[in-house]
Amino acid sequence: MDHDRNYKETAVKYGCSYSQVYSWVRKYDRQGTDGLNDNRGHRKKEENLTDKEK
């Protein structure tokens, strides 16, 4: 983001696709760092987590 949002160069640098970088930036713009969290899958409730899982 500090380099005029050069998605292509960033994708090459980090070995991912242009569209993935674009998607991350859009999520960041909309929700900040919370938008970058991976919320896929089933999550256990906090009280059901073991100490290791926490």
PDB file of N, CA and C in Angstrom:
ATOM      1  N   MET A   1       0.820  -1.182   0.000  1.00  0.00           N
ATOM      2  CA  MET A   1       0.000   0.000   0.000  1.00  0.00           C
ATOM      3  C   MET A   1       0.870   1.254   0.000  1.00  0.00           C
ATOM      4  N   ASP A   2       2.063   1.131   0.531  1.00  0.00           N
ATOM      5  CA  ASP A   2       2.972   2.271   0.543  1.00  0.00           C
ATOM      6  C   ASP A   2       3.564   2.549  -0.834  1.00  0.00           C
ATOM      7  N   HIS A   3       3.363   1.654  -1.784  1.00  0.00           N
ATOM      8  CA  HIS A   3       3.951   1.797  -3.115  1.00  0.00           C
ATOM      9  C   HIS A   3       2.876   1.924  -4.178  1.00  0.00           C
ATOM     10  N   ASP A   4       1.948   2.849  -3.948  1.00  0.00           N
ATOM     11  CA  ASP A   4       0.869   3.139  -4.904  1.00  0.00           C
ATOM     12  C   ASP A   4       0.051   1.911  -5.273  1.00  0.00           C
ATOM     13  N   ARG A   5      -0.094   0.993  -4.339  1.00  0.00           N
ATOM     14  CA  ARG A   5      -0.938  -0.199  -4.524  1.00  0.00           C
ATOM     15  C   ARG A   5      -0.587  -0.969  -5.796  1.00  0.00           C
ATOM     16  N   ASN A   6       0.666  -1.270  -5.951  1.00  0.00           N
ATOM     17  CA  ASN A   6       1.129  -2.017  -7.113  1.00  0.00           C
ATOM     18  C   ASN A   6       0.860  -3.503  -6.869  1.00  0.00           C
ATOM     19  N   TYR A   7      -0.357  -3.937  -7.219  1.00  0.00           N
ATOM     20  CA  TYR A   7      -0.795  -5.305  -6.948  1.00  0.00           C
ATOM     21  C   TYR A   7       0.047  -6.334  -7.686  1.00  0.00           C
ATOM     22  N   LYS A   8       0.391  -6.046  -8.920  1.00  0.00           N
ATOM     23  CA  LYS A   8       1.155  -6.999  -9.728  1.00  0.00           C
ATOM     24  C   LYS A   8       2.524  -7.269  -9.105  1.00  0.00           C
ATOM     25  N   GLU A   9       3.232  -6.206  -8.745  1.00  0.00           N
ATOM     26  CA  GLU A   9       4.555  -6.358  -8.148  1.00  0.00           C
ATOM     27  C   GLU A   9       4.474  -7.085  -6.800  1.00  0.00           C
ATOM     28  N   THR A  10       3.464  -6.754  -6.028  1.00  0.00           N
ATOM     29  CA  THR A  10       3.278  -7.395  -4.724  1.00  0.00           C
ATOM     30  C   THR A  10       2.983  -8.880  -4.890  1.00  0.00           C
ATOM     31  N   ALA A  11       2.147  -9.223  -5.869  1.00  0.00           N
ATOM     32  CA  ALA A  11       1.821 -10.628  -6.121  1.00  0.00           C
ATOM     33  C   ALA A  11       3.062 -11.419  -6.504  1.00  0.00           C
ATOM     34  N   VAL A  12       3.909 -10.847  -7.326  1.00  0.00           N
ATOM     35  CA  VAL A  12       5.144 -11.516  -7.729  1.00  0.00           C
ATOM     36  C   VAL A  12       6.058 -11.685  -6.517  1.00  0.00           C
ATOM     37  N   LYS A  13       6.187 -10.632  -5.726  1.00  0.00           N
ATOM     38  CA  LYS A  13       7.084 -10.668  -4.560  1.00  0.00           C
ATOM     39  C   LYS A  13       6.682 -11.762  -3.573  1.00  0.00           C
ATOM     40  N   TYR A  14       5.360 -11.925  -3.341  1.00  0.00           N
ATOM     41  CA  TYR A  14       4.898 -12.877  -2.327  1.00  0.00           C
ATOM     42  C   TYR A  14       4.381 -14.190  -2.914  1.00  0.00           C
ATOM     43  N   GLY A  15       4.508 -14.365  -4.222  1.00  0.00           N
ATOM     44  CA  GLY A  15       4.157 -15.639  -4.844  1.00  0.00           C
ATOM     45  C   GLY A  15       2.681 -15.965  -4.811  1.00  0.00           C
ATOM     46  N   CYS A  16       1.832 -14.968  -5.008  1.00  0.00           N
ATOM     47  CA  CYS A  16       0.398 -15.220  -5.070  1.00  0.00           C
ATOM     48  C   CYS A  16      -0.171 -14.483  -6.279  1.00  0.00           C
ATOM     49  N   SER A  17      -1.463 -14.574  -6.456  1.00  0.00           N
ATOM     50  CA  SER A  17      -2.069 -13.981  -7.649  1.00  0.00           C
ATOM     51  C   SER A  17      -2.409 -12.504  -7.433  1.00  0.00           C
ATOM     52  N   TYR A  18      -2.516 -11.802  -8.539  1.00  0.00           N
ATOM     53  CA  TYR A  18      -2.927 -10.402  -8.543  1.00  0.00           C
ATOM     54  C   TYR A  18      -4.282 -10.263  -7.853  1.00  0.00           C
ATOM     55  N   SER A  19      -5.207 -11.167  -8.200  1.00  0.00           N
ATOM     56  CA  SER A  19      -6.560 -11.073  -7.650  1.00  0.00           C
ATOM     57  C   SER A  19      -6.573 -11.298  -6.139  1.00  0.00           C
ATOM     58  N   GLN A  20      -5.679 -12.140  -5.634  1.00  0.00           N
ATOM     59  CA  GLN A  20      -5.616 -12.366  -4.188  1.00  0.00           C
ATOM     60  C   GLN A  20      -5.136 -11.113  -3.474  1.00  0.00           C
ATOM     61  N   VAL A  21      -4.125 -10.450  -4.008  1.00  0.00           N
ATOM     62  CA  VAL A  21      -3.624  -9.209  -3.409  1.00  0.00           C
ATOM     63  C   VAL A  21      -4.725  -8.151  -3.448  1.00  0.00           C
ATOM     64  N   TYR A  22      -5.397  -8.025  -4.572  1.00  0.00           N
ATOM     65  CA  TYR A  22      -6.478  -7.057  -4.719  1.00  0.00           C
ATOM     66  C   TYR A  22      -7.574  -7.321  -3.681  1.00  0.00           C
ATOM     67  N   SER A  23      -7.919  -8.575  -3.512  1.00  0.00           N
ATOM     68  CA  SER A  23      -8.951  -8.961  -2.551  1.00  0.00           C
ATOM     69  C   SER A  23      -8.541  -8.592  -1.129  1.00  0.00           C
ATOM     70  N   TRP A  24      -7.293  -8.867  -0.762  1.00  0.00           N
ATOM     71  CA  TRP A  24      -6.809  -8.526   0.579  1.00  0.00           C
ATOM     72  C   TRP A  24      -6.869  -7.022   0.822  1.00  0.00           C
ATOM     73  N   VAL A  25      -6.469  -6.248  -0.154  1.00  0.00           N
ATOM     74  CA  VAL A  25      -6.467  -4.786  -0.004  1.00  0.00           C
ATOM     75  C   VAL A  25      -7.897  -4.272   0.147  1.00  0.00           C
ATOM     76  N   ARG A  26      -8.824  -4.795  -0.635  1.00  0.00           N
ATOM     77  CA  ARG A  26     -10.226  -4.375  -0.508  1.00  0.00           C
ATOM     78  C   ARG A  26     -10.771  -4.693   0.871  1.00  0.00           C
ATOM     79  N   LYS A  27     -10.475  -5.897   1.379  1.00  0.00           N
ATOM     80  CA  LYS A  27     -10.933  -6.273   2.720  1.00  0.00           C
ATOM     81  C   LYS A  27     -10.318  -5.354   3.770  1.00  0.00           C
ATOM     82  N   TYR A  28      -9.036  -5.051   3.626  1.00  0.00           N
ATOM     83  CA  TYR A  28      -8.354  -4.170   4.562  1.00  0.00           C
ATOM     84  C   TYR A  28      -8.967  -2.769   4.523  1.00  0.00           C
ATOM     85  N   ASP A  29      -9.260  -2.270   3.346  1.00  0.00           N
ATOM     86  CA  ASP A  29      -9.860  -0.940   3.210  1.00  0.00           C
ATOM     87  C   ASP A  29     -11.230  -0.878   3.873  1.00  0.00           C
ATOM     88  N   ARG A  30     -11.985  -1.935   3.766  1.00  0.00           N
ATOM     89  CA  ARG A  30     -13.350  -1.947   4.314  1.00  0.00           C
ATOM     90  C   ARG A  30     -13.391  -2.170   5.825  1.00  0.00           C
ATOM     91  N   GLN A  31     -12.532  -3.081   6.327  1.00  0.00           N
ATOM     92  CA  GLN A  31     -12.660  -3.511   7.722  1.00  0.00           C
ATOM     93  C   GLN A  31     -11.375  -3.402   8.530  1.00  0.00           C
ATOM     94  N   GLY A  32     -10.321  -2.897   7.945  1.00  0.00           N
ATOM     95  CA  GLY A  32      -9.043  -2.843   8.655  1.00  0.00           C
ATOM     96  C   GLY A  32      -8.470  -4.234   8.819  1.00  0.00           C
ATOM     97  N   THR A  33      -7.647  -4.419   9.833  1.00  0.00           N
ATOM     98  CA  THR A  33      -7.006  -5.717  10.023  1.00  0.00           C
ATOM     99  C   THR A  33      -8.004  -6.827  10.349  1.00  0.00           C
ATOM    100  N   ASP A  34      -9.155  -6.484  10.928  1.00  0.00           N
ATOM    101  CA  ASP A  34     -10.182  -7.499  11.210  1.00  0.00           C
ATOM    102  C   ASP A  34     -10.691  -8.149   9.925  1.00  0.00           C
ATOM    103  N   GLY A  35     -10.677  -7.423   8.836  1.00  0.00           N
ATOM    104  CA  GLY A  35     -11.127  -7.962   7.562  1.00  0.00           C
ATOM    105  C   GLY A  35     -10.207  -9.019   6.995  1.00  0.00           C
ATOM    106  N   LEU A  36      -8.998  -9.110   7.526  1.00  0.00           N
ATOM    107  CA  LEU A  36      -8.025 -10.074   7.021  1.00  0.00           C
ATOM    108  C   LEU A  36      -8.054 -11.401   7.779  1.00  0.00           C
ATOM    109  N   ASN A  37      -8.868 -11.499   8.815  1.00  0.00           N
ATOM    110  CA  ASN A  37      -8.980 -12.750   9.568  1.00  0.00           C
ATOM    111  C   ASN A  37      -9.642 -13.824   8.714  1.00  0.00           C
ATOM    112  N   ASP A  38      -9.191 -15.052   8.879  1.00  0.00           N
ATOM    113  CA  ASP A  38      -9.769 -16.191   8.178  1.00  0.00           C
ATOM    114  C   ASP A  38     -10.886 -16.763   9.039  1.00  0.00           C
ATOM    115  N   ASN A  39     -12.107 -16.593   8.622  1.00  0.00           N
ATOM    116  CA  ASN A  39     -13.248 -17.050   9.410  1.00  0.00           C
ATOM    117  C   ASN A  39     -13.910 -18.289   8.830  1.00  0.00           C
ATOM    118  N   ARG A  40     -13.164 -19.032   8.036  1.00  0.00           N
ATOM    119  CA  ARG A  40     -13.725 -20.247   7.439  1.00  0.00           C
ATOM    120  C   ARG A  40     -13.743 -21.373   8.461  1.00  0.00           C
ATOM    121  N   GLY A  41     -14.624 -22.319   8.261  1.00  0.00           N
ATOM    122  CA  GLY A  41     -14.660 -23.522   9.086  1.00  0.00           C
ATOM    123  C   GLY A  41     -15.489 -23.351  10.348  1.00  0.00           C
ATOM    124  N   HIS A  42     -15.585 -24.433  11.089  1.00  0.00           N
ATOM    125  CA  HIS A  42     -16.347 -24.440  12.336  1.00  0.00           C
ATOM    126  C   HIS A  42     -15.420 -24.073  13.477  1.00  0.00           C
ATOM    127  N   ARG A  43     -15.909 -23.242  14.335  1.00  0.00           N
ATOM    128  CA  ARG A  43     -15.124 -22.804  15.484  1.00  0.00           C
ATOM    129  C   ARG A  43     -15.735 -23.373  16.760  1.00  0.00           C
ATOM    130  N   LYS A  44     -14.880 -23.772  17.679  1.00  0.00           N
ATOM    131  CA  LYS A  44     -15.353 -24.208  18.984  1.00  0.00           C
ATOM    132  C   LYS A  44     -15.618 -22.974  19.838  1.00  0.00           C
ATOM    133  N   LYS A  45     -16.547 -23.099  20.753  1.00  0.00           N
ATOM    134  CA  LYS A  45     -16.799 -22.028  21.700  1.00  0.00           C
ATOM    135  C   LYS A  45     -15.598 -21.922  22.630  1.00  0.00           C
ATOM    136  N   GLU A  46     -15.347 -20.734  23.112  1.00  0.00           N
ATOM    137  CA  GLU A  46     -14.192 -20.467  23.979  1.00  0.00           C
ATOM    138  C   GLU A  46     -14.133 -21.435  25.163  1.00  0.00           C
ATOM    139  N   GLU A  47     -15.277 -21.722  25.766  1.00  0.00           N
ATOM    140  CA  GLU A  47     -15.275 -22.592  26.964  1.00  0.00           C
ATOM    141  C   GLU A  47     -14.965 -24.049  26.617  1.00  0.00           C
ATOM    142  N   ASN A  48     -15.046 -24.434  25.352  1.00  0.00           N
ATOM    143  CA  ASN A  48     -14.751 -25.807  24.942  1.00  0.00           C
ATOM    144  C   ASN A  48     -13.318 -26.006  24.462  1.00  0.00           C
ATOM    145  N   LEU A  49     -12.530 -24.947  24.433  1.00  0.00           N
ATOM    146  CA  LEU A  49     -11.136 -25.052  23.981  1.00  0.00           C
ATOM    147  C   LEU A  49     -10.245 -25.561  25.095  1.00  0.00           C
ATOM    148  N   THR A  50      -9.289 -26.390  24.733  1.00  0.00           N
ATOM    149  CA  THR A  50      -8.285 -26.817  25.707  1.00  0.00           C
ATOM    150  C   THR A  50      -7.273 -25.689  25.861  1.00  0.00           C
ATOM    151  N   ASP A  51      -6.406 -25.786  26.857  1.00  0.00           N
ATOM    152  CA  ASP A  51      -5.370 -24.772  27.062  1.00  0.00           C
ATOM    153  C   ASP A  51      -4.465 -24.676  25.840  1.00  0.00           C
ATOM    154  N   LYS A  52      -4.160 -25.821  25.252  1.00  0.00           N
ATOM    155  CA  LYS A  52      -3.293 -25.850  24.072  1.00  0.00           C
ATOM    156  C   LYS A  52      -3.953 -25.145  22.888  1.00  0.00           C
ATOM    157  N   GLU A  53      -5.254 -25.355  22.696  1.00  0.00           N
ATOM    158  CA  GLU A  53      -5.977 -24.727  21.586  1.00  0.00           C
ATOM    159  C   GLU A  53      -6.099 -23.218  21.758  1.00  0.00           C
ATOM    160  N   LYS A  54      -6.189 -22.762  23.014  1.00  0.00           N
ATOM    161  CA  LYS A  54      -6.265 -21.318  23.270  1.00  0.00           C
ATOM    162  C   LYS A  54      -4.968 -20.667  22.892  1.00  0.00           C
TER     163      LYS A  54
END
